[in-house]
């Protein structure tokens, strides 16, 4: 990929639902994996601290376009509905809409 955006974001999994969150990510639906790839999400990782802090990282050509492409899929709507109750501080948003991208301040290639 050329002109790749590196995107890192934060979410907060409810501390009492961390085990459930881990379990649902042990077997991410193949349809969801395919949709993410087709939408331009590459090198996508999620890291979860025991207190529920979730750090996500992905690479994409255009994060806004990649997120919009996922918003347009039925599988994403089903996945967001499945996982929404596991998060804190969504303020009525789906988990993917509540992502808090961080500003990159340093990168060593």
Protein backbone atom coordinates (compact mmCIF):
# COMPACT_ATOMS: atom_id res chain seq x y z
CA UNK A 1 0.00 0.00 0.00
CA UNK A 2 1.17 3.51 -0.73
CA UNK A 3 0.23 6.51 1.38
CA UNK A 4 -0.89 4.25 4.17
CA UNK A 5 -2.61 5.78 7.18
CA UNK A 6 -1.70 4.17 10.48
CA UNK A 7 -4.70 4.48 12.78
CA UNK A 8 -4.66 3.82 16.51
CA UNK A 9 -7.84 4.18 18.54
CA UNK A 10 -9.12 3.69 22.07
CA UNK A 11 -12.32 2.22 23.43
CA UNK A 12 -13.25 1.04 26.92
CA UNK A 13 -14.65 -2.44 27.47
CA UNK A 14 -16.69 -2.74 30.66
CA UNK A 15 -14.42 -4.30 33.30
CA UNK A 16 -17.08 -6.89 34.14
CA UNK A 17 -17.37 -7.92 30.45
CA UNK A 18 -13.66 -8.29 29.54
CA UNK A 19 -13.84 -12.11 29.47
CA UNK A 20 -16.92 -12.00 27.23
CA UNK A 21 -15.19 -9.54 24.90
CA UNK A 22 -12.15 -11.80 24.64
CA UNK A 23 -14.38 -14.81 23.97
CA UNK A 24 -16.28 -13.17 21.10
CA UNK A 25 -12.96 -12.32 19.43
CA UNK A 26 -11.73 -15.91 19.60
CA UNK A 27 -13.97 -16.69 16.64
CA UNK A 28 -14.63 -13.54 14.59
CA UNK A 29 -17.07 -14.41 11.84
CA UNK A 30 -15.41 -15.14 8.51
CA UNK A 31 -17.94 -12.82 6.84
CA UNK A 32 -16.77 -10.01 9.16
CA UNK A 33 -13.10 -10.71 8.39
CA UNK A 34 -13.83 -10.59 4.66
CA UNK A 35 -15.81 -7.35 4.98
CA UNK A 36 -12.98 -5.65 6.88
CA UNK A 37 -10.45 -6.68 4.25
CA UNK A 38 -12.71 -5.61 1.37
CA UNK A 39 -13.30 -2.25 3.09
CA UNK A 40 -9.58 -1.57 3.26
CA UNK A 41 -8.76 -2.48 6.88
CA UNK A 42 -5.28 -4.04 6.88
CA UNK A 43 -2.86 -5.15 9.56
CA UNK A 44 -5.73 -4.74 12.06
CA UNK A 45 -5.02 -5.62 15.70
CA UNK A 46 -6.84 -5.20 18.99
CA UNK A 47 -5.06 -5.11 22.34
CA UNK A 48 -7.00 -5.40 25.61
CA UNK A 49 -5.77 -4.48 29.06
CA UNK A 50 -7.26 -6.32 32.06
CA UNK A 51 -9.13 -3.18 33.20
CA UNK A 52 -10.90 -2.98 29.82
CA UNK A 53 -8.78 -0.43 28.00
CA UNK A 54 -8.93 -1.46 24.33
CA UNK A 55 -6.30 -0.25 21.88
CA UNK A 56 -6.93 -0.84 18.19
CA UNK A 57 -4.48 -0.44 15.34
CA UNK A 58 -5.00 -0.67 11.59
CA UNK A 59 -3.48 0.46 8.36
CA UNK A 60 -5.58 1.77 5.48
CA UNK A 61 -5.40 4.07 2.49
CA UNK A 62 -8.26 6.24 3.81
CA UNK A 63 -9.69 5.68 7.29
CA UNK A 64 -12.88 7.66 6.69
CA UNK A 65 -13.58 5.68 3.51
CA UNK A 66 -12.72 2.37 5.21
CA UNK A 67 -15.05 3.14 8.10
CA UNK A 68 -17.85 4.23 5.70
CA UNK A 69 -17.44 1.03 3.69
CA UNK A 70 -17.92 -1.02 6.87
CA UNK A 71 -20.92 1.10 7.89
CA UNK A 72 -22.57 0.05 4.64
CA UNK A 73 -22.38 -3.69 5.41
CA UNK A 74 -25.03 -5.80 7.09
CA UNK A 75 -22.40 -7.93 8.84
CA UNK A 76 -20.96 -4.86 10.55
CA UNK A 77 -24.40 -3.82 11.81
CA UNK A 78 -24.87 -7.32 13.28
CA UNK A 79 -21.38 -7.31 14.86
CA UNK A 80 -21.87 -3.84 16.37
CA UNK A 81 -25.22 -4.92 17.84
CA UNK A 82 -23.58 -8.05 19.28
CA UNK A 83 -20.74 -6.16 20.98
CA UNK A 84 -22.30 -2.78 21.90
CA UNK A 85 -23.28 -3.87 25.41
CA UNK A 86 -19.68 -4.77 26.21
CA UNK A 87 -18.42 -1.17 26.08
CA UNK A 88 -18.47 1.87 28.35
CA UNK A 89 -18.93 5.48 27.25
CA UNK A 90 -20.52 4.96 23.84
CA UNK A 91 -22.91 7.90 24.31
CA UNK A 92 -25.51 6.18 22.14
CA UNK A 93 -23.04 5.39 19.34
CA UNK A 94 -22.11 1.99 17.95
CA UNK A 95 -18.64 0.87 19.07
CA UNK A 96 -17.07 1.55 15.68
CA UNK A 97 -18.54 5.07 15.61
CA UNK A 98 -17.20 5.75 19.12
CA UNK A 99 -13.58 4.94 18.26
CA UNK A 100 -11.22 7.61 19.53
CA UNK A 101 -8.37 7.84 17.00
CA UNK A 102 -5.12 9.10 18.45
CA UNK A 103 -2.78 11.59 16.81
CA UNK A 104 0.49 10.01 15.75
CA UNK A 105 3.39 11.98 17.21
CA UNK A 106 6.28 9.67 16.28
CA UNK A 107 6.92 6.81 13.87
CA UNK A 108 10.13 4.85 13.34
CA UNK A 109 10.03 3.05 10.01
